[in-house]
Every structure is written in C-alpha cells, then in structure tokens.
Amino acid sequence: MKKKNILKGVLFVGIGASIYGMLATFVKMAYHDGFTTSEVTTSQFVLGLTGLLILNFIQTLTSKQKLSVPSSKEVRMLMLAGTSLGGTSLFYYIAVQYINVSIAIVLLMQSVWFSVVVESILTKKLPNARKVISVVIVLLGTVLATNLINMEIELDWHGVFWGLMAAASYTLTMFTSNTLATHLPVFRKSIIMLTGGSLVVFAFLFFAQIGPMHFDSLKSIYLNFTENTEHIHSFNYSIFWTYGAVLALFGTIIPPILFNIGFPNAGLGLGSIVSSLELPVSVTMAFVLLGEKVFLIQWAGIALILFAIVLMNLPSKKEKEISMAELS
C-alpha cells in the first residue's frame, strides 16, 4: 500500500512539474506582445483563484461526504505559506532582468538540493546514497541542459540573489504542500495558498506599475531598485483574455492541485527530484513553439535528468524482497 502511494505521488508531482514547465514558453510569448511582469502574474493569479473557487463550489455540491473545513489557524498558516507561490514567480522574473535566463533556471533548480537538505533536517536523517547521487546527476544535467558550458557567463549579484530567492521560495512551496493541512480537500487548500500568493502579486503590481504613476514618493523609492520605467503605465486588461487563461491553468490551477496531492505521498526529497521534469519540458516547449535552438549537449542534459528520476524510483533490494514476499 505504501509503495502504491509513493508511485501515485511521483506521478502527480511529475505531471504537475511538466505542466508548470510549459508556463515559461507562454510567459515569453506574453512578454513579446508587450505585457509586463505585473500584468502576467496578476492575470495568472486572479484567473487561477477564480477557477479554483469554481472547482471548489462544484466539489462541495457534488461530494457525498462532508468536506473538511480548515481552522482559523490553518487558514493563517496556509495563507502565509502561499506567499511562496507568488514569490517564486516574482523572484524568478526579477532575476531574469539581471542575468541570462539559462543561468536563472540553473539557480531555480537549486531547489532540488535545498529540498533534500530541508527533508534531512526535518527527519534528522542523512539522505541515502541514491538520493545524493540523483541530486548530483540532476544538477549536472541542469548545467548541460541550459548549455552553460558553451556560454560566456557574466554574473550580476542582484540576479544571483533573486534567483536563489526563487529557489528558496519554490522549496517552501513544495515543503508546505507536503506538510501543512494535508487533511483538507485539495481545492480548498489550494485556494487558501493561492490567496496568500495573490497578496504578494498585488503588492508588487502596486509597487512596480500602478503606484509610481500616482505617487512621486513611491516612484522615487522604486527608482532606487531599477532605472527601467517602461512598465510604469495603466494596467493592460487585455492580458486576461489573451494569455490569462493559459497562464492560470498552467501556473496556478493544475500544478498546485497536483503538488498538494503528490508531495504528501512522494515526500519532499523524492518529490523535488521528480519536479525537475519542469526543465526538460520547458526546453522542449521552447523548441517546438518558439523555435529556439536546442543543441545536442542540452538534450544530453535532459537525458541525465530523466535518468536521475528513474534511478530515484527504482525499488531498493529491501523493497523488492517485501514485494516478492507479498506476492508469495
């Protein structure tokens, strides 16, 4: 039974990460059409929250049993934890302003070993050899898949800082999906967490785009962080009916639901490694839809990441013996 739950968790996390990996391609397309980071994230979270509310309403009406209701303490904890959903997107997009996208992806993928470390601290156990080897392979595959070896790298410490913040925020998202209020229906839990993320996104929208239009004091503060003022303008609502639905589905509806189902079964360390599927899917989508060049070394990196995922899910000798005993 335990093995079945682990496989179920791996499946849901893998699908969620794959769908999340598609998001970057549509975000690039939205940027190409002139939309800002604030507009992209706002439409993503507003429509995502609306979609989850509808799904929760349908589930409440059709459920044959009474659904669990979160306590006020759980609501506060989940909303606080949900700020990581908004933080991950914002930190990553800020990082891209200072460093190459490929480097930002590598920094975001540090969540793989961040999660394994967090799991080891929480369980007070060192990760097993296979998990350590898998993490190393994932990180090596990430370097190859982003073609860093053949690039002239110019690092800006601002970009490195925000990239690592995105990785830490992503780790927190995976951790909370794995531990907080796992008894709640997945739609209700996702709604509360997404509400917390929306607060972060709305705050950024006001600080980076709407606020500086109306308050000179806020604009002067904002200019201490960047000299770019092109995105200080009225909100372009057409983002909602052009890219909003796709961004919401692939960014804030489907992945959080699948993560909330998958991580409690897969565990934080294993789940974080499986979530690295996001990278090869992202590269493939960019190749197919955007026509970006993908070199042989990048496909080799993708193959390494997939190998690490398979390695992580191979049954141990002890698990094989238990399975054989159950069959006999």
Protein backbone atom coordinates (compact mmCIF):
# COMPACT_ATOMS: atom_id res chain seq x y z
CA MET A 1 0.00 0.00 0.00
CA LYS A 2 2.82 2.37 0.86
CA LYS A 3 4.56 1.64 -2.41
CA LYS A 4 1.36 2.40 -4.30
CA ASN A 5 1.06 5.76 -2.55
CA ILE A 6 4.65 6.67 -3.40
CA LEU A 7 4.11 5.85 -7.07
CA LYS A 8 0.91 7.89 -7.03
CA GLY A 9 2.80 10.81 -5.52
CA VAL A 10 5.58 10.58 -8.09
CA LEU A 11 3.03 10.51 -10.92
CA PHE A 12 1.13 13.59 -9.72
CA VAL A 13 4.28 15.60 -8.96
CA GLY A 14 5.75 14.64 -12.34
CA ILE A 15 2.64 15.71 -14.25
CA GLY A 16 2.38 18.92 -12.22
CA ALA A 17 6.03 19.81 -12.87
CA SER A 18 5.66 19.02 -16.58
CA ILE A 19 2.65 21.33 -16.89
CA TYR A 20 4.44 24.03 -14.89
CA GLY A 21 7.36 23.68 -17.30
CA MET A 22 5.08 24.71 -20.17
CA LEU A 23 4.41 28.05 -18.47
CA ALA A 24 7.72 29.73 -19.37
CA THR A 25 7.01 29.50 -23.10
CA PHE A 26 3.66 31.28 -22.79
CA VAL A 27 5.18 33.89 -20.47
CA LYS A 28 7.83 34.62 -23.12
CA MET A 29 5.09 34.99 -25.72
CA ALA A 30 3.22 37.42 -23.45
CA TYR A 31 6.38 39.47 -22.93
CA HIS A 32 6.91 39.53 -26.70
CA ASP A 33 3.45 41.07 -27.05
CA GLY A 34 4.34 43.87 -24.65
CA PHE A 35 2.79 42.72 -21.37
CA THR A 36 4.63 43.39 -18.09
CA THR A 37 5.61 41.05 -15.29
CA SER A 38 2.91 42.60 -13.09
CA GLU A 39 0.23 42.04 -15.74
CA VAL A 40 1.32 38.46 -16.40
CA THR A 41 1.40 37.45 -12.73
CA THR A 42 -1.79 39.33 -11.83
CA SER A 43 -3.85 37.70 -14.60
CA GLN A 44 -2.34 34.33 -13.71
CA PHE A 45 -3.31 34.58 -10.04
CA VAL A 46 -6.71 36.28 -10.45
CA LEU A 47 -7.99 33.79 -13.02
CA GLY A 48 -6.33 30.94 -11.16
CA LEU A 49 -8.10 31.85 -7.95
CA THR A 50 -11.41 32.23 -9.81
CA GLY A 51 -11.01 28.80 -11.40
CA LEU A 52 -10.25 27.12 -8.08
CA LEU A 53 -13.26 28.78 -6.43
CA ILE A 54 -15.49 27.35 -9.17
CA LEU A 55 -13.95 23.88 -8.80
CA ASN A 56 -14.37 24.02 -5.02
CA PHE A 57 -18.02 25.07 -5.39
CA ILE A 58 -18.70 22.13 -7.72
CA GLN A 59 -16.92 19.71 -5.37
CA THR A 60 -18.89 20.99 -2.38
CA LEU A 61 -22.21 20.48 -4.20
CA THR A 62 -21.40 17.04 -5.60
CA SER A 63 -19.48 15.49 -2.70
CA LYS A 64 -21.29 12.63 -0.98
CA GLN A 65 -19.50 13.26 2.30
CA LYS A 66 -18.86 16.33 4.38
CA LEU A 67 -15.62 18.02 3.39
CA SER A 68 -13.07 19.10 5.99
CA VAL A 69 -13.10 22.76 6.96
CA PRO A 70 -9.81 24.49 7.87
CA SER A 71 -9.43 26.05 11.29
CA SER A 72 -8.57 29.74 11.57
CA LYS A 73 -5.00 28.79 12.49
CA GLU A 74 -4.69 26.59 9.39
CA VAL A 75 -6.04 29.40 7.21
CA ARG A 76 -3.38 31.78 8.56
CA MET A 77 -0.60 29.22 8.14
CA LEU A 78 -1.65 28.29 4.60
CA MET A 79 -2.00 31.92 3.51
CA LEU A 80 1.44 32.69 4.91
CA ALA A 81 2.86 29.62 3.19
CA GLY A 82 1.05 30.57 -0.01
CA THR A 83 3.07 33.75 -0.32
CA SER A 84 5.81 31.47 -1.65
CA LEU A 85 3.67 30.79 -4.75
CA GLY A 86 3.70 34.48 -5.62
CA GLY A 87 7.29 34.89 -4.50
CA THR A 88 8.61 32.14 -6.77
CA SER A 89 7.24 33.78 -9.91
CA LEU A 90 8.23 37.31 -8.93
CA PHE A 91 11.75 36.46 -7.76
CA TYR A 92 12.45 34.48 -10.92
CA TYR A 93 11.24 37.25 -13.21
CA ILE A 94 13.27 39.84 -11.31
CA ALA A 95 16.37 37.63 -11.61
CA VAL A 96 15.93 37.46 -15.38
CA GLN A 97 16.29 41.24 -15.53
CA TYR A 98 19.90 40.93 -14.36
CA ILE A 99 21.17 37.58 -15.65
CA ASN A 100 20.70 35.23 -18.58
CA VAL A 101 17.54 33.11 -18.49
CA SER A 102 19.57 29.89 -18.61
CA ILE A 103 21.51 30.90 -15.51
CA ALA A 104 18.26 31.83 -13.76
CA ILE A 105 16.89 28.36 -14.49
CA VAL A 106 20.03 26.78 -13.05
CA LEU A 107 19.60 28.87 -9.90
CA LEU A 108 15.93 27.93 -9.65
CA MET A 109 16.86 24.25 -9.92
CA GLN A 110 18.90 24.57 -6.75
CA SER A 111 15.55 23.86 -5.09
CA VAL A 112 16.38 20.20 -5.75
CA TRP A 113 19.17 20.06 -3.19
CA PHE A 114 17.54 22.72 -1.00
CA SER A 115 14.61 20.32 -0.54
CA VAL A 116 16.78 17.32 0.20
CA VAL A 117 18.61 19.33 2.87
CA VAL A 118 15.32 20.53 4.40
CA GLU A 119 13.98 16.98 4.46
CA SER A 120 17.17 15.73 6.14
CA ILE A 121 16.93 18.44 8.81
CA LEU A 122 13.26 17.73 9.49
CA THR A 123 13.70 13.95 9.64
CA LYS A 124 17.11 14.22 11.36
CA LYS A 125 18.43 11.63 8.91
CA LEU A 126 21.13 11.90 6.29
CA PRO A 127 19.88 11.30 2.71
CA ASN A 128 20.69 7.87 1.35
CA ALA A 129 23.40 7.40 -1.28
CA ARG A 130 20.95 7.00 -4.15
CA LYS A 131 19.22 10.30 -3.32
CA VAL A 132 22.57 12.12 -3.12
CA ILE A 133 23.70 10.65 -6.44
CA SER A 134 20.36 11.58 -8.04
CA VAL A 135 20.67 15.18 -6.87
CA VAL A 136 24.20 15.43 -8.27
CA ILE A 137 23.04 14.00 -11.61
CA VAL A 138 20.09 16.42 -11.73
CA LEU A 139 22.35 19.41 -11.13
CA LEU A 140 24.89 18.21 -13.70
CA GLY A 141 22.06 17.62 -16.18
CA THR A 142 20.74 21.12 -15.48
CA VAL A 143 24.10 22.69 -16.35
CA LEU A 144 24.20 20.74 -19.63
CA ALA A 145 20.52 21.31 -20.47
CA THR A 146 20.93 25.08 -20.16
CA ASN A 147 24.16 24.98 -22.24
CA LEU A 148 26.12 26.91 -19.63
CA ILE A 149 29.39 25.25 -20.65
CA ASN A 150 29.37 26.98 -24.04
CA MET A 151 28.30 30.39 -22.74
CA GLU A 152 30.29 33.40 -21.66
CA ILE A 153 28.83 33.96 -18.22
CA GLU A 154 28.60 37.44 -16.73
CA LEU A 155 27.09 37.19 -13.28
CA ASP A 156 25.34 40.10 -11.60
CA TRP A 157 24.98 39.57 -7.86
CA HIS A 158 21.46 41.02 -7.97
CA GLY A 159 20.40 38.29 -10.38
CA VAL A 160 22.14 35.56 -8.39
CA PHE A 161 20.44 36.75 -5.19
CA TRP A 162 16.94 36.84 -6.69
CA GLY A 163 17.49 33.52 -8.48
CA LEU A 164 18.42 31.82 -5.21
CA MET A 165 15.44 33.51 -3.54
CA ALA A 166 13.22 31.97 -6.23
CA ALA A 167 14.73 28.55 -5.47
CA ALA A 168 14.17 29.01 -1.74
CA SER A 169 10.59 30.14 -2.35
CA TYR A 170 9.94 27.16 -4.63
CA THR A 171 11.34 24.87 -1.94
CA LEU A 172 8.96 26.41 0.59
CA THR A 173 6.05 25.78 -1.78
CA MET A 174 6.98 22.11 -2.06
CA PHE A 175 7.52 21.84 1.70
CA THR A 176 4.13 23.32 2.60
CA SER A 177 2.38 21.14 0.01
CA ASN A 178 3.98 18.16 1.72
CA THR A 179 3.24 19.03 5.35
CA LEU A 180 0.54 21.65 6.04
CA ALA A 181 -3.13 20.69 6.44
CA THR A 182 -2.88 17.54 4.33
CA HIS A 183 -6.35 16.51 5.56
CA LEU A 184 -8.04 19.33 3.64
CA PRO A 185 -9.61 18.82 0.21
CA VAL A 186 -7.04 19.83 -2.37
CA PHE A 187 -9.17 22.60 -3.89
CA ARG A 188 -9.75 24.30 -0.53
CA LYS A 189 -6.09 24.07 0.40
CA SER A 190 -5.00 25.42 -2.99
CA ILE A 191 -7.46 28.34 -2.75
CA ILE A 192 -6.09 29.46 0.60
CA MET A 193 -2.48 29.17 -0.51
CA LEU A 194 -3.22 30.97 -3.77
CA THR A 195 -4.89 33.79 -1.84
CA GLY A 196 -1.65 34.29 0.08
CA GLY A 197 0.28 34.29 -3.20
CA SER A 198 -2.13 36.81 -4.69
CA LEU A 199 -1.40 39.28 -1.89
CA VAL A 200 2.28 39.24 -2.87
CA VAL A 201 1.44 39.68 -6.56
CA PHE A 202 -0.98 42.58 -5.90
CA ALA A 203 1.60 44.29 -3.69
CA PHE A 204 4.16 44.01 -6.49
CA LEU A 205 1.64 45.33 -9.03
CA PHE A 206 1.06 48.42 -6.90
CA PHE A 207 4.75 48.97 -6.13
CA ALA A 208 6.16 48.35 -9.61
CA GLN A 209 3.46 49.57 -12.01
CA ILE A 210 0.35 51.32 -10.66
CA GLY A 211 1.67 53.11 -7.58
CA PRO A 212 4.56 55.01 -9.22
CA MET A 213 2.05 56.52 -11.71
CA HIS A 214 0.19 58.34 -8.94
CA PHE A 215 2.70 58.84 -6.12
CA ASP A 216 6.01 60.60 -6.81
CA SER A 217 7.40 59.50 -3.45
CA LEU A 218 6.76 55.84 -4.31
CA LYS A 219 8.30 56.35 -7.76
CA SER A 220 11.47 57.77 -6.23
CA ILE A 221 11.70 54.74 -3.92
CA TYR A 222 11.09 52.37 -6.82
CA LEU A 223 13.83 54.01 -8.91
CA ASN A 224 16.33 53.02 -6.21
CA PHE A 225 15.83 49.41 -7.34
CA THR A 226 15.80 49.89 -11.12
CA GLU A 227 16.10 52.59 -13.77
CA ASN A 228 13.57 50.87 -16.04
CA THR A 229 10.34 52.91 -16.15
CA GLU A 230 8.81 51.45 -19.33
CA HIS A 231 6.36 49.30 -17.41
CA ILE A 232 5.00 52.15 -15.26
CA HIS A 233 1.66 52.63 -17.01
CA SER A 234 -2.03 51.77 -16.74
CA PHE A 235 -2.88 48.08 -16.40
CA ASN A 236 -3.49 46.38 -19.76
CA TYR A 237 -6.62 44.31 -19.12
CA SER A 238 -6.38 42.50 -22.46
CA ILE A 239 -3.91 40.13 -20.77
CA PHE A 240 -6.93 38.42 -19.19
CA TRP A 241 -8.44 37.23 -22.49
CA THR A 242 -5.19 36.72 -24.42
CA TYR A 243 -2.83 34.80 -22.14
CA GLY A 244 -4.55 34.86 -18.74
CA ALA A 245 -6.45 31.57 -19.02
CA VAL A 246 -3.41 29.59 -20.17
CA LEU A 247 -1.17 31.18 -17.54
CA ALA A 248 -3.72 30.42 -14.82
CA LEU A 249 -4.22 26.79 -15.88
CA PHE A 250 -0.52 26.02 -16.30
CA GLY A 251 0.72 28.17 -13.42
CA THR A 252 -1.76 28.43 -10.57
CA ILE A 253 -4.52 25.83 -11.01
CA ILE A 254 -3.26 22.48 -12.23
CA PRO A 255 0.30 22.34 -10.75
CA PRO A 256 -0.65 23.38 -7.16
CA ILE A 257 -3.52 20.85 -7.15
CA LEU A 258 -1.26 18.04 -8.35
CA PHE A 259 1.54 19.07 -5.96
CA ASN A 260 -0.85 19.09 -3.00
CA ILE A 261 -1.89 15.54 -3.93
CA GLY A 262 1.54 14.27 -4.88
CA PHE A 263 4.01 15.62 -2.32
CA PRO A 264 2.38 14.08 0.79
CA ASN A 265 2.75 10.69 -0.92
CA ALA A 266 6.13 11.12 -2.60
CA GLY A 267 7.89 13.02 0.20
CA LEU A 268 9.78 16.31 -0.10
CA GLY A 269 13.17 14.94 -1.20
CA LEU A 270 11.88 12.49 -3.83
CA GLY A 271 9.17 14.92 -4.94
CA SER A 272 11.68 17.72 -5.52
CA ILE A 273 13.80 15.47 -7.72
CA VAL A 274 10.76 14.41 -9.76
CA SER A 275 9.77 18.07 -10.08
CA SER A 276 12.98 18.63 -12.08
CA LEU A 277 10.93 17.39 -15.06
CA GLU A 278 9.96 21.05 -15.33
CA LEU A 279 13.26 21.86 -17.05
CA PRO A 280 13.23 19.34 -19.94
CA VAL A 281 9.57 20.14 -20.62
CA SER A 282 10.37 23.86 -20.68
CA VAL A 283 13.24 23.34 -23.13
CA THR A 284 11.11 21.12 -25.38
CA MET A 285 8.22 23.62 -25.45
CA ALA A 286 10.60 26.44 -26.35
CA PHE A 287 11.99 24.27 -29.16
CA VAL A 288 8.55 23.37 -30.54
CA LEU A 289 6.58 26.63 -30.11
CA LEU A 290 9.25 29.34 -30.09
CA GLY A 291 11.70 27.71 -32.48
CA GLU A 292 14.61 28.18 -30.05
CA LYS A 293 17.77 26.24 -30.90
CA VAL A 294 18.41 23.25 -28.67
CA PHE A 295 21.87 21.75 -29.01
CA LEU A 296 22.92 18.13 -28.57
CA ILE A 297 24.57 18.90 -25.23
CA GLN A 298 21.22 20.21 -23.95
CA TRP A 299 19.41 17.02 -24.94
CA ALA A 300 22.18 15.10 -23.13
CA GLY A 301 21.44 17.12 -20.01
CA ILE A 302 17.74 16.40 -20.32
CA ALA A 303 18.52 12.69 -20.65
CA LEU A 304 20.61 12.87 -17.45
CA ILE A 305 17.74 14.48 -15.55
CA LEU A 306 15.33 11.81 -16.71
CA PHE A 307 17.86 9.12 -15.76
CA ALA A 308 18.11 10.58 -12.26
CA ILE A 309 14.34 10.44 -11.89
CA VAL A 310 14.28 6.79 -12.98
CA LEU A 311 17.19 5.99 -10.65
CA MET A 312 15.38 7.60 -7.75
CA ASN A 313 12.29 5.47 -8.34
CA LEU A 314 13.95 2.09 -8.76
CA PRO A 315 12.93 -0.18 -5.87
CA SER A 316 15.64 -0.97 -3.35
CA LYS A 317 16.72 -4.55 -2.59
CA LYS A 318 14.67 -4.48 0.60
CA GLU A 319 11.56 -3.25 -1.23
CA LYS A 320 11.98 -6.00 -3.83
CA GLU A 321 12.14 -8.61 -1.08
CA ILE A 322 8.95 -7.22 0.53
CA SER A 323 7.17 -7.24 -2.84
CA MET A 324 8.23 -10.82 -3.53
CA ALA A 325 7.04 -11.86 -0.04
CA GLU A 326 3.65 -10.23 -0.62
CA LEU A 327 3.27 -11.97 -3.97
CA SER A 328 4.11 -15.35 -2.48
